[in-house]
Amino acid sequence: MQQTLSIAVLAGVGGMLGWGFADFFAKKTIDAIGDMVSLVWAHVFGTIAFLIVPACQLAFGGSISLPDTGQGWALLVFFGALQAAVYLLVYRGFGKGQLGVLNPVFSSFSGLTALLSILVFGEAVSGGQLFALCVIFAGIMVINLDFRALRMRQLRLLHVPGLLEVGIATILAALWTLGWDKFIDGKDWSSYAVLMYAFMTVTILVIARARGVALAVRRGDVWKFLVLIGICETVAYWAISLGYSTTPHTSVVAVLSGAFALPTIILARVFLKEQIPLFQTVGSGMIVCGIVLLPAL
């Protein structure tokens, strides 16, 4: 049990770092070329990065495991399309509303996932582990809150532009996480993650073309960041897929990977010299303490 918990913690931290670094690099591209173009190209490069590993496995005489039923392939397409829908809804919501108000709403998907996994699916957690998860989740909410924005909206939260899209995305993200956890349990997590990610990329690309989005990138300096976003995304999906496939600790992987704002904040402080508000410092400390406590409880 302790070994699987350690794997789950490492997988969750891998997801946190992957998505956190990806968000940091996205700061360099979204303002320059737009969110939809960034989303498309980052996922194209992510798919290419994902395909390198199975290609190397086959080249050196190894093998990969693919679904042997139509239902298996259909579910991979479904999970890819569902995750694409989450991305698109979040981007649309953030484009309409105030990030400081909407970001905590989406960040709550990890807590919702953990709650459903424990109460509905009967995931076994000790009292100490539950305490550590609560500390981490509280830290996630604190670092994502913009208290000034909330004071301005305190009586009109339900009328915040973009809240509907982000709220739906939050629910879908929790359902995706729980479904993906059950689907890849005991399967070849690496191959299945590659296929799911590829189908997600195809879905995003089809929607972008259907909307008539011009995908040309006229600034050569952003390509390296798009590649880095794609690579970091693959790290995140590989990590969480490993955790969900090989351990029963769904809540641990979900909550830890949901703390992706932590590395983004640290990177922004180190490289962009952004000031970290006191509440984000406190929230970051809570997350770190929870991560340290989790394997020991």
C-alpha atoms as a PDB file:
ATOM      1  CA  MET A   1       0.000   0.000   0.000  1.00  0.00           C
ATOM      2  CA  GLN A   2       2.830   2.409   0.868  1.00  0.00           C
ATOM      3  CA  GLN A   3       4.511   1.689  -2.470  1.00  0.00           C
ATOM      4  CA  THR A   4       1.359   2.473  -4.453  1.00  0.00           C
ATOM      5  CA  LEU A   5       0.863   5.645  -2.403  1.00  0.00           C
ATOM      6  CA  SER A   6       4.391   6.747  -3.286  1.00  0.00           C
ATOM      7  CA  ILE A   7       3.682   6.119  -6.971  1.00  0.00           C
ATOM      8  CA  ALA A   8       0.440   8.100  -6.701  1.00  0.00           C
ATOM      9  CA  VAL A   9       2.244  11.023  -5.048  1.00  0.00           C
ATOM     10  CA  LEU A  10       4.948  11.026  -7.734  1.00  0.00           C
ATOM     11  CA  ALA A  11       2.302  10.779 -10.465  1.00  0.00           C
ATOM     12  CA  GLY A  12       0.303  13.652  -8.978  1.00  0.00           C
ATOM     13  CA  VAL A  13       3.403  15.824  -8.631  1.00  0.00           C
ATOM     14  CA  GLY A  14       4.305  14.963 -12.240  1.00  0.00           C
ATOM     15  CA  GLY A  15       0.884  16.179 -13.360  1.00  0.00           C
ATOM     16  CA  MET A  16       1.244  19.313 -11.260  1.00  0.00           C
ATOM     17  CA  LEU A  17       4.662  20.146 -12.704  1.00  0.00           C
ATOM     18  CA  GLY A  18       3.678  19.290 -16.283  1.00  0.00           C
ATOM     19  CA  TRP A  19       0.548  21.431 -16.329  1.00  0.00           C
ATOM     20  CA  GLY A  20       2.194  24.150 -14.230  1.00  0.00           C
ATOM     21  CA  PHE A  21       5.121  24.535 -16.624  1.00  0.00           C
ATOM     22  CA  ALA A  22       2.735  24.382 -19.594  1.00  0.00           C
ATOM     23  CA  ASP A  23       0.674  27.237 -18.142  1.00  0.00           C
ATOM     24  CA  PHE A  24       3.824  29.268 -17.581  1.00  0.00           C
ATOM     25  CA  PHE A  25       4.973  28.854 -21.178  1.00  0.00           C
ATOM     26  CA  ALA A  26       1.435  29.615 -22.370  1.00  0.00           C
ATOM     27  CA  LYS A  27       1.881  33.111 -20.929  1.00  0.00           C
ATOM     28  CA  LYS A  28       4.460  33.623 -23.662  1.00  0.00           C
ATOM     29  CA  THR A  29       2.186  32.559 -26.529  1.00  0.00           C
ATOM     30  CA  ILE A  30      -1.430  33.495 -25.775  1.00  0.00           C
ATOM     31  CA  ASP A  31      -0.848  37.245 -25.793  1.00  0.00           C
ATOM     32  CA  ALA A  32       1.199  36.927 -28.983  1.00  0.00           C
ATOM     33  CA  ILE A  33      -0.945  34.627 -31.151  1.00  0.00           C
ATOM     34  CA  GLY A  34      -4.196  34.065 -29.239  1.00  0.00           C
ATOM     35  CA  ASP A  35      -5.479  31.275 -27.043  1.00  0.00           C
ATOM     36  CA  MET A  36      -7.035  29.076 -29.741  1.00  0.00           C
ATOM     37  CA  VAL A  37      -3.970  29.083 -31.983  1.00  0.00           C
ATOM     38  CA  SER A  38      -1.779  28.371 -28.958  1.00  0.00           C
ATOM     39  CA  LEU A  39      -4.062  25.526 -27.935  1.00  0.00           C
ATOM     40  CA  VAL A  40      -3.973  23.907 -31.375  1.00  0.00           C
ATOM     41  CA  TRP A  41      -0.236  24.090 -31.984  1.00  0.00           C
ATOM     42  CA  ALA A  42       0.707  23.125 -28.431  1.00  0.00           C
ATOM     43  CA  HIS A  43      -1.407  19.982 -28.735  1.00  0.00           C
ATOM     44  CA  VAL A  44       0.029  19.178 -32.154  1.00  0.00           C
ATOM     45  CA  PHE A  45       3.535  19.294 -30.708  1.00  0.00           C
ATOM     46  CA  GLY A  46       2.339  17.386 -27.658  1.00  0.00           C
ATOM     47  CA  THR A  47       1.005  14.615 -29.866  1.00  0.00           C
ATOM     48  CA  ILE A  48       4.321  14.440 -31.731  1.00  0.00           C
ATOM     49  CA  ALA A  49       6.190  14.222 -28.422  1.00  0.00           C
ATOM     50  CA  PHE A  50       3.790  11.535 -27.207  1.00  0.00           C
ATOM     51  CA  LEU A  51       4.373   9.441 -30.334  1.00  0.00           C
ATOM     52  CA  ILE A  52       8.150   9.355 -29.885  1.00  0.00           C
ATOM     53  CA  VAL A  53       8.023   6.809 -27.062  1.00  0.00           C
ATOM     54  CA  PRO A  54       5.883   4.130 -28.779  1.00  0.00           C
ATOM     55  CA  ALA A  55       7.878   4.715 -31.982  1.00  0.00           C
ATOM     56  CA  CYS A  56      11.097   3.990 -30.086  1.00  0.00           C
ATOM     57  CA  GLN A  57       9.513   0.946 -28.457  1.00  0.00           C
ATOM     58  CA  LEU A  58       8.607  -0.494 -31.842  1.00  0.00           C
ATOM     59  CA  ALA A  59      11.966   0.434 -33.365  1.00  0.00           C
ATOM     60  CA  PHE A  60      13.842  -1.499 -30.687  1.00  0.00           C
ATOM     61  CA  GLY A  61      11.672  -4.602 -30.932  1.00  0.00           C
ATOM     62  CA  GLY A  62       9.187  -3.778 -28.224  1.00  0.00           C
ATOM     63  CA  SER A  63       5.420  -3.796 -28.464  1.00  0.00           C
ATOM     64  CA  ILE A  64       2.521  -1.559 -27.580  1.00  0.00           C
ATOM     65  CA  SER A  65      -0.944  -2.504 -26.427  1.00  0.00           C
ATOM     66  CA  LEU A  66      -3.959  -1.243 -28.352  1.00  0.00           C
ATOM     67  CA  PRO A  67      -7.687  -1.710 -27.684  1.00  0.00           C
ATOM     68  CA  ASP A  68      -8.978  -4.946 -29.197  1.00  0.00           C
ATOM     69  CA  THR A  69     -12.641  -3.948 -29.276  1.00  0.00           C
ATOM     70  CA  GLY A  70     -14.632  -1.240 -30.988  1.00  0.00           C
ATOM     71  CA  GLN A  71     -15.875  -0.115 -27.585  1.00  0.00           C
ATOM     72  CA  GLY A  72     -12.299   0.461 -26.417  1.00  0.00           C
ATOM     73  CA  TRP A  73     -11.530   2.662 -29.424  1.00  0.00           C
ATOM     74  CA  ALA A  74     -14.831   4.512 -29.039  1.00  0.00           C
ATOM     75  CA  LEU A  75     -14.058   5.280 -25.400  1.00  0.00           C
ATOM     76  CA  LEU A  76     -10.616   6.623 -26.316  1.00  0.00           C
ATOM     77  CA  VAL A  77     -12.236   8.940 -28.842  1.00  0.00           C
ATOM     78  CA  PHE A  78     -14.814   9.928 -26.225  1.00  0.00           C
ATOM     79  CA  PHE A  79     -12.233  10.759 -23.554  1.00  0.00           C
ATOM     80  CA  GLY A  80     -10.167  12.739 -26.061  1.00  0.00           C
ATOM     81  CA  ALA A  81     -13.184  14.716 -27.232  1.00  0.00           C
ATOM     82  CA  LEU A  82     -14.389  15.287 -23.654  1.00  0.00           C
ATOM     83  CA  GLN A  83     -11.040  16.666 -22.560  1.00  0.00           C
ATOM     84  CA  ALA A  84     -10.990  18.906 -25.633  1.00  0.00           C
ATOM     85  CA  ALA A  85     -14.397  20.224 -24.582  1.00  0.00           C
ATOM     86  CA  VAL A  86     -13.000  21.040 -21.129  1.00  0.00           C
ATOM     87  CA  TYR A  87     -10.144  23.053 -22.642  1.00  0.00           C
ATOM     88  CA  LEU A  88     -12.432  24.938 -25.013  1.00  0.00           C
ATOM     89  CA  LEU A  89     -14.997  25.773 -22.331  1.00  0.00           C
ATOM     90  CA  VAL A  90     -12.305  27.008 -19.945  1.00  0.00           C
ATOM     91  CA  TYR A  91     -10.713  29.191 -22.620  1.00  0.00           C
ATOM     92  CA  ARG A  92     -14.106  30.594 -23.619  1.00  0.00           C
ATOM     93  CA  GLY A  93     -15.053  31.306 -20.012  1.00  0.00           C
ATOM     94  CA  PHE A  94     -11.732  32.956 -19.199  1.00  0.00           C
ATOM     95  CA  GLY A  95     -12.070  35.028 -22.349  1.00  0.00           C
ATOM     96  CA  LYS A  96     -15.435  36.362 -21.176  1.00  0.00           C
ATOM     97  CA  GLY A  97     -14.861  36.897 -17.488  1.00  0.00           C
ATOM     98  CA  GLN A  98     -12.426  37.819 -14.757  1.00  0.00           C
ATOM     99  CA  LEU A  99      -9.636  35.294 -14.222  1.00  0.00           C
ATOM    100  CA  GLY A 100      -9.338  36.026 -10.524  1.00  0.00           C
ATOM    101  CA  VAL A 101     -12.958  34.986  -9.960  1.00  0.00           C
ATOM    102  CA  LEU A 102     -13.157  32.100 -12.427  1.00  0.00           C
ATOM    103  CA  ASN A 103      -9.813  30.400 -11.761  1.00  0.00           C
ATOM    104  CA  PRO A 104     -10.780  29.117  -8.273  1.00  0.00           C
ATOM    105  CA  VAL A 105     -13.968  27.668  -9.734  1.00  0.00           C
ATOM    106  CA  PHE A 106     -12.083  25.531 -12.227  1.00  0.00           C
ATOM    107  CA  SER A 107      -9.391  24.649  -9.690  1.00  0.00           C
ATOM    108  CA  SER A 108     -12.070  23.031  -7.538  1.00  0.00           C
ATOM    109  CA  PHE A 109     -12.395  20.123 -10.019  1.00  0.00           C
ATOM    110  CA  SER A 110      -9.645  18.235  -8.183  1.00  0.00           C
ATOM    111  CA  GLY A 111     -11.510  18.433  -4.877  1.00  0.00           C
ATOM    112  CA  LEU A 112     -14.764  17.438  -6.569  1.00  0.00           C
ATOM    113  CA  THR A 113     -12.991  14.449  -8.122  1.00  0.00           C
ATOM    114  CA  ALA A 114     -11.561  13.372  -4.766  1.00  0.00           C
ATOM    115  CA  LEU A 115     -14.927  13.793  -3.036  1.00  0.00           C
ATOM    116  CA  LEU A 116     -16.753  11.678  -5.619  1.00  0.00           C
ATOM    117  CA  SER A 117     -14.021   9.038  -5.622  1.00  0.00           C
ATOM    118  CA  ILE A 118     -14.202   8.654  -1.846  1.00  0.00           C
ATOM    119  CA  LEU A 119     -17.963   8.967  -1.287  1.00  0.00           C
ATOM    120  CA  VAL A 120     -19.363   7.397  -4.470  1.00  0.00           C
ATOM    121  CA  PHE A 121     -16.697   4.934  -5.595  1.00  0.00           C
ATOM    122  CA  GLY A 122     -15.533   3.909  -2.137  1.00  0.00           C
ATOM    123  CA  GLU A 123     -11.862   4.847  -2.402  1.00  0.00           C
ATOM    124  CA  ALA A 124     -10.152   3.939   0.873  1.00  0.00           C
ATOM    125  CA  VAL A 125      -8.223   6.768   2.532  1.00  0.00           C
ATOM    126  CA  SER A 126      -6.862   7.001   6.049  1.00  0.00           C
ATOM    127  CA  GLY A 127      -7.700   9.890   8.333  1.00  0.00           C
ATOM    128  CA  GLY A 128      -4.162  11.235   7.984  1.00  0.00           C
ATOM    129  CA  GLN A 129      -4.234  11.070   4.209  1.00  0.00           C
ATOM    130  CA  LEU A 130      -7.607  12.811   4.122  1.00  0.00           C
ATOM    131  CA  PHE A 131      -6.210  15.571   6.326  1.00  0.00           C
ATOM    132  CA  ALA A 132      -3.200  16.046   4.024  1.00  0.00           C
ATOM    133  CA  LEU A 133      -5.457  16.133   0.955  1.00  0.00           C
ATOM    134  CA  CYS A 134      -7.673  18.757   2.610  1.00  0.00           C
ATOM    135  CA  VAL A 135      -4.601  20.879   3.375  1.00  0.00           C
ATOM    136  CA  ILE A 136      -3.421  20.629  -0.237  1.00  0.00           C
ATOM    137  CA  PHE A 137      -6.868  21.416  -1.633  1.00  0.00           C
ATOM    138  CA  ALA A 138      -7.257  24.388   0.709  1.00  0.00           C
ATOM    139  CA  GLY A 139      -3.884  25.614  -0.516  1.00  0.00           C
ATOM    140  CA  ILE A 140      -5.015  25.231  -4.133  1.00  0.00           C
ATOM    141  CA  MET A 141      -8.068  27.362  -3.487  1.00  0.00           C
ATOM    142  CA  VAL A 142      -6.080  30.022  -1.623  1.00  0.00           C
ATOM    143  CA  ILE A 143      -3.421  30.509  -4.320  1.00  0.00           C
ATOM    144  CA  ASN A 144      -6.107  30.760  -7.000  1.00  0.00           C
ATOM    145  CA  LEU A 145      -8.263  33.304  -5.183  1.00  0.00           C
ATOM    146  CA  ASP A 146      -8.172  36.978  -6.060  1.00  0.00           C
ATOM    147  CA  PHE A 147      -9.624  38.508  -2.928  1.00  0.00           C
ATOM    148  CA  ARG A 148      -9.937  41.989  -4.429  1.00  0.00           C
ATOM    149  CA  ALA A 149     -11.916  40.606  -7.386  1.00  0.00           C
ATOM    150  CA  LEU A 150     -14.131  38.612  -5.046  1.00  0.00           C
ATOM    151  CA  ARG A 151     -14.899  41.666  -2.922  1.00  0.00           C
ATOM    152  CA  MET A 152     -15.953  43.501  -6.044  1.00  0.00           C
ATOM    153  CA  ARG A 153     -18.245  40.620  -7.032  1.00  0.00           C
ATOM    154  CA  GLN A 154     -19.295  39.342  -3.644  1.00  0.00           C
ATOM    155  CA  LEU A 155     -23.025  39.783  -4.171  1.00  0.00           C
ATOM    156  CA  ARG A 156     -23.134  39.079  -7.884  1.00  0.00           C
ATOM    157  CA  LEU A 157     -21.030  35.933  -8.234  1.00  0.00           C
ATOM    158  CA  LEU A 158     -23.733  34.036 -10.091  1.00  0.00           C
ATOM    159  CA  HIS A 159     -23.798  36.750 -12.747  1.00  0.00           C
ATOM    160  CA  VAL A 160     -20.060  36.771 -13.464  1.00  0.00           C
ATOM    161  CA  PRO A 161     -19.419  36.500 -17.227  1.00  0.00           C
ATOM    162  CA  GLY A 162     -17.891  33.142 -18.114  1.00  0.00           C
ATOM    163  CA  LEU A 163     -19.037  31.412 -14.928  1.00  0.00           C
ATOM    164  CA  LEU A 164     -21.412  29.096 -16.811  1.00  0.00           C
ATOM    165  CA  GLU A 165     -18.701  27.868 -19.193  1.00  0.00           C
ATOM    166  CA  VAL A 166     -16.117  27.412 -16.447  1.00  0.00           C
ATOM    167  CA  GLY A 167     -18.644  25.733 -14.150  1.00  0.00           C
ATOM    168  CA  ILE A 168     -19.564  23.206 -16.841  1.00  0.00           C
ATOM    169  CA  ALA A 169     -15.862  22.659 -17.578  1.00  0.00           C
ATOM    170  CA  THR A 170     -15.228  21.988 -13.884  1.00  0.00           C
ATOM    171  CA  ILE A 171     -17.897  19.286 -13.737  1.00  0.00           C
ATOM    172  CA  LEU A 172     -16.724  17.734 -17.006  1.00  0.00           C
ATOM    173  CA  ALA A 173     -13.104  17.748 -15.800  1.00  0.00           C
ATOM    174  CA  ALA A 174     -14.087  15.861 -12.647  1.00  0.00           C
ATOM    175  CA  LEU A 175     -16.124  13.342 -14.648  1.00  0.00           C
ATOM    176  CA  TRP A 176     -13.286  12.948 -17.169  1.00  0.00           C
ATOM    177  CA  THR A 177     -10.819  12.267 -14.374  1.00  0.00           C
ATOM    178  CA  LEU A 178     -12.999   9.664 -12.696  1.00  0.00           C
ATOM    179  CA  GLY A 179     -13.866   8.003 -16.006  1.00  0.00           C
ATOM    180  CA  TRP A 180     -10.265   7.958 -17.227  1.00  0.00           C
ATOM    181  CA  ASP A 181      -9.177   6.476 -13.903  1.00  0.00           C
ATOM    182  CA  LYS A 182     -11.630   3.591 -14.250  1.00  0.00           C
ATOM    183  CA  PHE A 183     -11.006   3.110 -17.982  1.00  0.00           C
ATOM    184  CA  ILE A 184      -7.214   2.697 -17.890  1.00  0.00           C
ATOM    185  CA  ASP A 185      -7.072   0.726 -14.649  1.00  0.00           C
ATOM    186  CA  GLY A 186      -4.703  -2.177 -15.344  1.00  0.00           C
ATOM    187  CA  LYS A 187      -4.235  -1.263 -19.008  1.00  0.00           C
ATOM    188  CA  ASP A 188      -1.184  -0.094 -20.953  1.00  0.00           C
ATOM    189  CA  TRP A 189      -1.398   3.447 -19.602  1.00  0.00           C
ATOM    190  CA  SER A 190       1.304   4.826 -21.880  1.00  0.00           C
ATOM    191  CA  SER A 191      -0.254   3.672 -25.157  1.00  0.00           C
ATOM    192  CA  TYR A 192      -3.752   4.630 -24.084  1.00  0.00           C
ATOM    193  CA  ALA A 193      -2.607   8.099 -23.006  1.00  0.00           C
ATOM    194  CA  VAL A 194      -0.982   8.629 -26.419  1.00  0.00           C
ATOM    195  CA  LEU A 195      -4.164   7.691 -28.252  1.00  0.00           C
ATOM    196  CA  MET A 196      -6.434   9.739 -26.014  1.00  0.00           C
ATOM    197  CA  TYR A 197      -4.215  12.792 -26.414  1.00  0.00           C
ATOM    198  CA  ALA A 198      -4.097  12.343 -30.190  1.00  0.00           C
ATOM    199  CA  PHE A 199      -7.903  12.205 -30.385  1.00  0.00           C
ATOM    200  CA  MET A 200      -8.090  15.321 -28.186  1.00  0.00           C
ATOM    201  CA  THR A 201      -5.758  17.124 -30.565  1.00  0.00           C
ATOM    202  CA  VAL A 202      -7.781  16.092 -33.604  1.00  0.00           C
ATOM    203  CA  THR A 203     -10.978  17.331 -31.922  1.00  0.00           C
ATOM    204  CA  ILE A 204      -9.441  20.719 -31.104  1.00  0.00           C
ATOM    205  CA  LEU A 205      -8.049  21.041 -34.632  1.00  0.00           C
ATOM    206  CA  VAL A 206     -11.415  20.179 -36.244  1.00  0.00           C
ATOM    207  CA  ILE A 207     -13.248  22.714 -34.051  1.00  0.00           C
ATOM    208  CA  ALA A 208     -10.676  25.408 -34.810  1.00  0.00           C
ATOM    209  CA  ARG A 209     -11.028  24.841 -38.542  1.00  0.00           C
ATOM    210  CA  ALA A 210     -14.826  24.766 -38.277  1.00  0.00           C
ATOM    211  CA  ARG A 211     -14.697  28.158 -36.571  1.00  0.00           C
ATOM    212  CA  GLY A 212     -12.493  29.499 -39.315  1.00  0.00           C
ATOM    213  CA  VAL A 213      -9.575  30.203 -36.983  1.00  0.00           C
ATOM    214  CA  ALA A 214      -6.434  31.155 -38.907  1.00  0.00           C
ATOM    215  CA  LEU A 215      -3.707  28.871 -37.594  1.00  0.00           C
ATOM    216  CA  ALA A 216      -0.750  30.628 -39.195  1.00  0.00           C
ATOM    217  CA  VAL A 217       1.908  31.700 -36.689  1.00  0.00           C
ATOM    218  CA  ARG A 218       3.727  34.797 -37.904  1.00  0.00           C
ATOM    219  CA  ARG A 219       6.024  35.231 -34.936  1.00  0.00           C
ATOM    220  CA  GLY A 220       8.968  32.865 -35.003  1.00  0.00           C
ATOM    221  CA  ASP A 221       9.894  33.522 -31.380  1.00  0.00           C
ATOM    222  CA  VAL A 222       6.814  31.700 -30.030  1.00  0.00           C
ATOM    223  CA  TRP A 223       7.481  28.327 -31.662  1.00  0.00           C
ATOM    224  CA  LYS A 224       9.867  27.198 -28.943  1.00  0.00           C
ATOM    225  CA  PHE A 225       7.254  27.960 -26.309  1.00  0.00           C
ATOM    226  CA  LEU A 226       4.565  26.042 -28.200  1.00  0.00           C
ATOM    227  CA  VAL A 227       6.903  23.034 -28.348  1.00  0.00           C
ATOM    228  CA  LEU A 228       7.616  23.335 -24.621  1.00  0.00           C
ATOM    229  CA  ILE A 229       3.897  23.545 -23.809  1.00  0.00           C
ATOM    230  CA  GLY A 230       3.311  20.352 -25.787  1.00  0.00           C
ATOM    231  CA  ILE A 231       6.161  18.505 -24.075  1.00  0.00           C
ATOM    232  CA  CYS A 232       5.024  19.605 -20.612  1.00  0.00           C
ATOM    233  CA  GLU A 233       1.458  18.520 -21.383  1.00  0.00           C
ATOM    234  CA  THR A 234       2.677  15.055 -22.345  1.00  0.00           C
ATOM    235  CA  VAL A 235       4.542  14.821 -19.035  1.00  0.00           C
ATOM    236  CA  ALA A 236       1.345  15.696 -17.173  1.00  0.00           C
ATOM    237  CA  TYR A 237      -0.855  13.186 -19.007  1.00  0.00           C
ATOM    238  CA  TRP A 238       1.746  10.440 -18.798  1.00  0.00           C
ATOM    239  CA  ALA A 239       2.121  11.017 -15.078  1.00  0.00           C
ATOM    240  CA  ILE A 240      -1.557  11.027 -14.170  1.00  0.00           C
ATOM    241  CA  SER A 241      -2.274   8.064 -16.444  1.00  0.00           C
ATOM    242  CA  LEU A 242       0.476   6.098 -14.681  1.00  0.00           C
ATOM    243  CA  GLY A 243      -1.023   6.977 -11.310  1.00  0.00           C
ATOM    244  CA  TYR A 244      -4.601   6.146 -12.258  1.00  0.00           C
ATOM    245  CA  SER A 245      -3.652   2.894 -13.988  1.00  0.00           C
ATOM    246  CA  THR A 246      -1.334   1.410 -11.377  1.00  0.00           C
ATOM    247  CA  THR A 247      -2.639   2.703  -8.028  1.00  0.00           C
ATOM    248  CA  PRO A 248      -6.012   2.895  -6.253  1.00  0.00           C
ATOM    249  CA  HIS A 249      -5.290   6.413  -4.965  1.00  0.00           C
ATOM    250  CA  THR A 250      -7.434   8.432  -7.350  1.00  0.00           C
ATOM    251  CA  SER A 251      -7.913  11.318  -4.931  1.00  0.00           C
ATOM    252  CA  VAL A 252      -4.174  11.666  -4.308  1.00  0.00           C
ATOM    253  CA  VAL A 253      -3.331  11.913  -8.020  1.00  0.00           C
ATOM    254  CA  ALA A 254      -6.269  14.248  -8.716  1.00  0.00           C
ATOM    255  CA  VAL A 255      -5.631  16.701  -5.878  1.00  0.00           C
ATOM    256  CA  LEU A 256      -1.864  16.858  -6.369  1.00  0.00           C
ATOM    257  CA  SER A 257      -2.103  17.305 -10.133  1.00  0.00           C
ATOM    258  CA  GLY A 258      -4.735  19.971  -9.518  1.00  0.00           C
ATOM    259  CA  ALA A 259      -2.094  22.087  -7.749  1.00  0.00           C
ATOM    260  CA  PHE A 260      -0.598  23.101 -11.106  1.00  0.00           C
ATOM    261  CA  ALA A 261      -0.828  26.794 -10.197  1.00  0.00           C
ATOM    262  CA  LEU A 262       2.015  26.332  -7.693  1.00  0.00           C
ATOM    263  CA  PRO A 263       4.885  25.810 -10.187  1.00  0.00           C
ATOM    264  CA  THR A 264       3.403  28.498 -12.446  1.00  0.00           C
ATOM    265  CA  ILE A 265       3.547  31.014  -9.590  1.00  0.00           C
ATOM    266  CA  ILE A 266       7.103  30.024  -8.644  1.00  0.00           C
ATOM    267  CA  LEU A 267       8.326  30.221 -12.245  1.00  0.00           C
ATOM    268  CA  ALA A 268       6.683  33.608 -12.717  1.00  0.00           C
ATOM    269  CA  ARG A 269       8.412  34.850  -9.574  1.00  0.00           C
ATOM    270  CA  VAL A 270      11.828  33.521 -10.585  1.00  0.00           C
ATOM    271  CA  PHE A 271      11.878  34.324 -14.304  1.00  0.00           C
ATOM    272  CA  LEU A 272       9.351  37.131 -14.716  1.00  0.00           C
ATOM    273  CA  LYS A 273      10.081  38.795 -11.367  1.00  0.00           C
ATOM    274  CA  GLU A 274       6.377  38.892 -10.530  1.00  0.00           C
ATOM    275  CA  GLN A 275       5.548  39.690  -6.935  1.00  0.00           C
ATOM    276  CA  ILE A 276       3.769  36.943  -5.012  1.00  0.00           C
ATOM    277  CA  PRO A 277       0.927  38.233  -2.796  1.00  0.00           C
ATOM    278  CA  LEU A 278       0.906  37.088   0.805  1.00  0.00           C
ATOM    279  CA  PHE A 279      -2.139  34.848   0.328  1.00  0.00           C
ATOM    280  CA  GLN A 280      -0.407  33.002  -2.526  1.00  0.00           C
ATOM    281  CA  THR A 281       2.675  32.511  -0.367  1.00  0.00           C
ATOM    282  CA  VAL A 282       0.493  31.042   2.379  1.00  0.00           C
ATOM    283  CA  GLY A 283      -1.364  28.818  -0.099  1.00  0.00           C
ATOM    284  CA  SER A 284       1.901  27.618  -1.624  1.00  0.00           C
ATOM    285  CA  GLY A 285       3.204  26.723   1.817  1.00  0.00           C
ATOM    286  CA  MET A 286       0.027  24.758   2.552  1.00  0.00           C
ATOM    287  CA  ILE A 287       0.421  22.742  -0.661  1.00  0.00           C
ATOM    288  CA  VAL A 288       4.067  21.972   0.037  1.00  0.00           C
ATOM    289  CA  CYS A 289       3.290  20.942   3.629  1.00  0.00           C
ATOM    290  CA  GLY A 290       0.473  18.687   2.442  1.00  0.00           C
ATOM    291  CA  ILE A 291       2.722  17.023  -0.159  1.00  0.00           C
ATOM    292  CA  VAL A 292       5.401  16.385   2.483  1.00  0.00           C
ATOM    293  CA  LEU A 293       2.867  15.031   4.964  1.00  0.00           C
ATOM    294  CA  LEU A 294       0.940  12.803   2.560  1.00  0.00           C
ATOM    295  CA  PRO A 295       3.394   9.867   2.209  1.00  0.00           C
ATOM    296  CA  ALA A 296       4.087   9.875   5.943  1.00  0.00           C
ATOM    297  CA  LEU A 297       0.475   9.632   7.128  1.00  0.00           C
END
